[in-house]
Amino acid sequence: MEQTRPIKLFYWPTPNGWKITIMLEELGVPYELKYVNIGRGEQFAPEFLKISPNNRMPAMIDPEGPDGQPISVFESGAILQYLGRKFAHFYPADERGRVEVDQWLFWQVGGLGPMAGQAHHFRHYAPEKIPYAIDRYTNEVNRLYGVMNIRLADRDFLAGDYSIADMACIGWVVPYERQGQDLNDFPNLKAWFERMKARPAVRKGIDIGKDVRAQMNLATDREAQKVLFGQRAR
């Protein structure tokens, strides 16, 4: 399917944001970026909440949605599935193949991402070092890396063929050292990691906004920490 008008992507350069820039780069469809500076509270703007009520990015608006009408989508996994269905790439059309992809996509959304995120938080951002929390999440990430390592023992990609499941996971493996992990302990995962990095769209998708991200050091930016940590219902 040819996309004539650009998809609008609301984005910040994080592992969740990278999922969608990688997918759009792989598809080669036109898109425009709208940076949402999560360290300055832009995710709480009323116009953004209309399309992302969970005040999280990424989110997107496709001006050429179903029946030719615009559609907005939030949650990175849902965006990947939508794009995969629409453009019929990187997401199988048959039910058996789709289930194979979906289970690893949801494994990332419900496990790898949250656990790695908590490992990052307690290892680098928490105002006090809590050994139990650091060990808890570092060990859980280690376990999840082990799950990937076993899965990749007899295949190049998580669902067999390269898919949105791989795009969802790669960003959470990029900062492996900050999660207290050593890829040398996981040779199959390391080989997958190198295969992924060899793809031009993956490299470009992860590099998008790197200069913008560098302007905010979350470990020392107290304003950003105040915005991001300790949110409650509003």
Protein backbone atom coordinates (compact mmCIF):
# COMPACT_ATOMS: atom_id res chain seq x y z
CA MET A 1 0.00 0.00 0.00
CA GLU A 2 1.30 3.43 -0.94
CA GLN A 3 1.20 6.13 1.71
CA THR A 4 0.78 9.56 0.12
CA ARG A 5 0.46 11.73 3.24
CA PRO A 6 2.97 11.44 6.07
CA ILE A 7 2.14 9.65 9.28
CA LYS A 8 2.58 11.94 12.27
CA LEU A 9 4.65 10.28 15.00
CA PHE A 10 4.69 11.72 18.51
CA TYR A 11 8.09 10.65 19.70
CA TRP A 12 10.89 10.82 22.20
CA PRO A 13 14.11 8.84 21.64
CA THR A 14 13.58 5.96 24.07
CA PRO A 15 13.32 2.20 23.52
CA ASN A 16 9.55 2.52 23.09
CA GLY A 17 9.93 5.37 20.62
CA TRP A 18 12.60 3.49 18.69
CA LYS A 19 10.19 0.64 17.99
CA ILE A 20 8.15 2.89 15.74
CA THR A 21 10.95 4.80 14.02
CA ILE A 22 12.54 1.44 13.17
CA MET A 23 9.25 0.14 11.75
CA LEU A 24 8.60 3.27 9.70
CA GLU A 25 12.15 3.23 8.37
CA GLU A 26 11.81 -0.44 7.45
CA LEU A 27 8.54 0.27 5.65
CA GLY A 28 9.95 3.31 3.86
CA VAL A 29 6.71 5.26 4.27
CA PRO A 30 6.66 9.05 4.77
CA TYR A 31 6.37 10.28 8.34
CA GLU A 32 6.97 13.42 10.31
CA LEU A 33 8.23 13.62 13.86
CA LYS A 34 6.62 15.57 16.64
CA TYR A 35 8.98 15.49 19.61
CA VAL A 36 7.25 15.12 22.97
CA ASN A 37 9.79 16.16 25.60
CA ILE A 38 8.81 13.86 28.43
CA GLY A 39 11.32 15.50 30.76
CA ARG A 40 9.52 18.84 30.46
CA GLY A 41 5.98 17.57 30.79
CA GLU A 42 4.88 17.95 27.17
CA GLN A 43 3.12 14.58 27.44
CA PHE A 44 0.48 16.26 29.61
CA ALA A 45 -0.57 18.77 26.95
CA PRO A 46 -4.34 18.48 26.29
CA GLU A 47 -3.83 18.02 22.56
CA PHE A 48 -1.48 15.09 23.20
CA LEU A 49 -3.77 13.49 25.78
CA LYS A 50 -6.52 13.39 23.16
CA ILE A 51 -4.55 10.77 21.26
CA SER A 52 -2.56 9.27 24.15
CA PRO A 53 -4.73 9.28 27.29
CA ASN A 54 -2.05 7.39 29.23
CA ASN A 55 0.28 10.41 28.77
CA ARG A 56 2.96 8.21 27.26
CA MET A 57 4.64 8.24 23.92
CA PRO A 58 4.86 7.02 21.24
CA ALA A 59 1.55 7.78 19.64
CA MET A 60 0.70 8.39 16.01
CA ILE A 61 -1.89 9.79 13.67
CA ASP A 62 -2.33 8.17 10.28
CA PRO A 63 -4.17 10.60 7.97
CA GLU A 64 -4.94 7.68 5.66
CA GLY A 65 -6.55 5.32 8.14
CA PRO A 66 -9.39 2.83 7.62
CA ASP A 67 -11.90 3.95 4.98
CA GLY A 68 -9.56 6.81 4.15
CA GLN A 69 -10.27 8.57 7.45
CA PRO A 70 -7.58 9.62 9.96
CA ILE A 71 -6.93 7.35 12.91
CA SER A 72 -4.85 7.85 16.03
CA VAL A 73 -3.15 5.00 17.85
CA PHE A 74 -1.33 4.94 21.18
CA GLU A 75 0.76 2.18 22.81
CA SER A 76 3.81 1.02 20.89
CA GLY A 77 2.67 -2.58 20.51
CA ALA A 78 -0.69 -1.52 19.08
CA ILE A 79 1.07 0.86 16.67
CA LEU A 80 3.36 -1.92 15.44
CA GLN A 81 0.42 -4.23 14.87
CA TYR A 82 -1.55 -1.53 13.05
CA LEU A 83 1.33 -0.69 10.74
CA GLY A 84 2.07 -4.36 10.15
CA ARG A 85 -1.52 -5.06 9.15
CA LYS A 86 -1.87 -1.94 7.01
CA PHE A 87 1.32 -2.37 5.01
CA ALA A 88 1.42 -6.19 5.13
CA HIS A 89 5.06 -6.33 6.15
CA PHE A 90 6.86 -7.75 9.19
CA TYR A 91 3.56 -9.12 10.58
CA PRO A 92 2.26 -12.39 9.11
CA ALA A 93 -1.15 -12.56 7.47
CA ASP A 94 -1.81 -16.16 8.57
CA GLU A 95 -3.10 -16.82 12.07
CA ARG A 96 -0.38 -19.27 13.11
CA GLY A 97 2.38 -16.90 12.04
CA ARG A 98 0.67 -13.94 13.65
CA VAL A 99 0.31 -15.74 16.97
CA GLU A 100 4.02 -16.55 16.85
CA VAL A 101 4.80 -12.84 16.52
CA ASP A 102 2.15 -11.66 18.98
CA GLN A 103 3.37 -13.82 21.86
CA TRP A 104 6.87 -12.33 21.62
CA LEU A 105 5.54 -8.82 21.13
CA PHE A 106 3.46 -9.11 24.30
CA TRP A 107 6.36 -10.79 26.09
CA GLN A 108 8.32 -7.61 25.45
CA VAL A 109 5.48 -5.24 26.33
CA GLY A 110 4.62 -7.05 29.55
CA GLY A 111 8.05 -8.29 30.60
CA LEU A 112 11.27 -7.17 28.98
CA GLY A 113 10.36 -3.48 28.77
CA PRO A 114 8.96 -3.01 32.29
CA MET A 115 11.67 -5.08 33.97
CA ALA A 116 14.50 -3.37 32.08
CA GLY A 117 12.92 -0.02 32.88
CA GLN A 118 12.86 -0.82 36.58
CA ALA A 119 16.47 -2.01 36.42
CA HIS A 120 17.42 1.33 34.84
CA HIS A 121 15.52 3.24 37.50
CA PHE A 122 16.94 1.55 40.57
CA ARG A 123 20.47 1.26 39.17
CA HIS A 124 20.79 4.85 37.93
CA TYR A 125 17.95 7.18 38.91
CA ALA A 126 16.63 6.25 42.35
CA PRO A 127 17.61 8.87 44.95
CA GLU A 128 18.85 6.10 47.24
CA LYS A 129 20.51 2.82 46.31
CA ILE A 130 18.28 -0.04 47.41
CA PRO A 131 20.27 -3.28 47.02
CA TYR A 132 17.19 -5.51 47.07
CA ALA A 133 15.50 -3.56 44.25
CA ILE A 134 18.71 -3.40 42.20
CA ASP A 135 19.27 -7.15 42.54
CA ARG A 136 15.60 -7.96 41.94
CA TYR A 137 15.34 -6.18 38.60
CA THR A 138 18.88 -6.83 37.40
CA ASN A 139 18.34 -10.55 37.97
CA GLU A 140 14.95 -10.50 36.24
CA VAL A 141 16.45 -8.83 33.17
CA ASN A 142 19.15 -11.49 33.25
CA ARG A 143 16.45 -14.17 33.29
CA LEU A 144 14.63 -12.56 30.36
CA TYR A 145 17.86 -12.30 28.37
CA GLY A 146 18.24 -16.01 29.02
CA VAL A 147 14.77 -16.66 27.62
CA MET A 148 15.75 -14.82 24.42
CA ASN A 149 19.06 -16.64 24.27
CA ILE A 150 17.35 -20.04 24.35
CA ARG A 151 14.73 -18.95 21.83
CA LEU A 152 17.39 -17.76 19.39
CA ALA A 153 19.44 -20.95 19.57
CA ASP A 154 17.89 -22.38 16.39
CA ARG A 155 16.56 -19.31 14.57
CA ASP A 156 17.79 -15.90 13.44
CA PHE A 157 14.82 -13.93 14.78
CA LEU A 158 12.35 -14.33 17.61
CA ALA A 159 9.38 -15.44 15.51
CA GLY A 160 11.44 -17.13 12.81
CA ASP A 161 11.32 -14.39 10.18
CA TYR A 162 12.27 -10.81 11.02
CA SER A 163 9.19 -9.11 12.48
CA ILE A 164 7.75 -6.41 14.70
CA ALA A 165 8.66 -8.63 17.68
CA ASP A 166 12.36 -8.06 16.97
CA MET A 167 11.77 -4.33 16.48
CA ALA A 168 10.02 -4.20 19.85
CA CYS A 169 12.86 -5.93 21.70
CA ILE A 170 16.02 -4.44 20.23
CA GLY A 171 15.76 -1.06 21.96
CA TRP A 172 15.60 -2.72 25.35
CA VAL A 173 18.79 -4.67 24.66
CA VAL A 174 20.76 -1.66 23.35
CA PRO A 175 21.52 -0.37 26.89
CA TYR A 176 22.41 -3.84 28.22
CA GLU A 177 25.42 -2.58 30.18
CA ARG A 178 23.26 -0.08 32.08
CA GLN A 179 21.03 -3.01 33.02
CA GLY A 180 24.03 -4.80 34.53
CA GLN A 181 24.23 -7.41 31.76
CA ASP A 182 27.05 -8.86 29.66
CA LEU A 183 26.01 -10.07 26.20
CA ASN A 184 28.94 -12.46 26.18
CA ASP A 185 26.91 -14.53 28.65
CA PHE A 186 24.23 -14.92 25.97
CA PRO A 187 25.90 -15.90 22.67
CA ASN A 188 22.69 -16.45 20.69
CA LEU A 189 21.24 -13.15 21.89
CA LYS A 190 24.52 -11.42 21.06
CA ALA A 191 24.45 -12.82 17.51
CA TRP A 192 20.84 -11.58 17.12
CA PHE A 193 21.89 -8.19 18.47
CA GLU A 194 24.60 -7.94 15.81
CA ARG A 195 22.18 -9.03 13.08
CA MET A 196 19.74 -6.35 14.16
CA LYS A 197 22.41 -3.63 14.28
CA ALA A 198 23.47 -4.58 10.75
CA ARG A 199 20.07 -3.47 9.41
CA PRO A 200 20.21 0.16 8.17
CA ALA A 201 16.64 0.88 9.31
CA VAL A 202 17.41 -0.31 12.82
CA ARG A 203 20.51 1.85 13.07
CA LYS A 204 18.69 4.89 11.69
CA GLY A 205 15.62 4.35 13.84
CA ILE A 206 17.71 4.25 17.00
CA ASP A 207 19.80 7.26 15.99
CA ILE A 208 16.82 9.54 15.35
CA GLY A 209 16.78 12.25 18.00
CA LYS A 210 20.05 11.20 19.60
CA ASP A 211 21.19 14.84 19.71
CA VAL A 212 17.90 15.89 21.31
CA ARG A 213 18.10 13.14 23.92
CA ALA A 214 21.67 14.15 24.79
CA GLN A 215 20.39 17.51 26.01
CA MET A 216 18.72 15.81 28.97
CA ASN A 217 20.72 13.76 31.47
CA LEU A 218 18.02 12.08 33.48
CA ALA A 219 20.49 11.01 36.16
CA THR A 220 21.15 14.64 37.11
CA ASP A 221 18.19 16.58 35.68
CA ARG A 222 16.07 17.20 38.78
CA GLU A 223 13.29 18.89 36.82
CA ALA A 224 12.94 15.87 34.53
CA GLN A 225 13.00 13.49 37.50
CA LYS A 226 10.22 15.47 39.16
CA VAL A 227 8.11 15.20 36.01
CA LEU A 228 8.78 11.52 35.30
CA PHE A 229 8.98 9.91 38.72
CA GLY A 230 6.20 9.77 41.27
CA GLN A 231 3.30 10.64 38.95
CA ARG A 232 -0.16 10.21 40.39
CA ALA A 233 -3.67 10.50 39.01
CA ARG A 234 -4.45 14.04 37.86
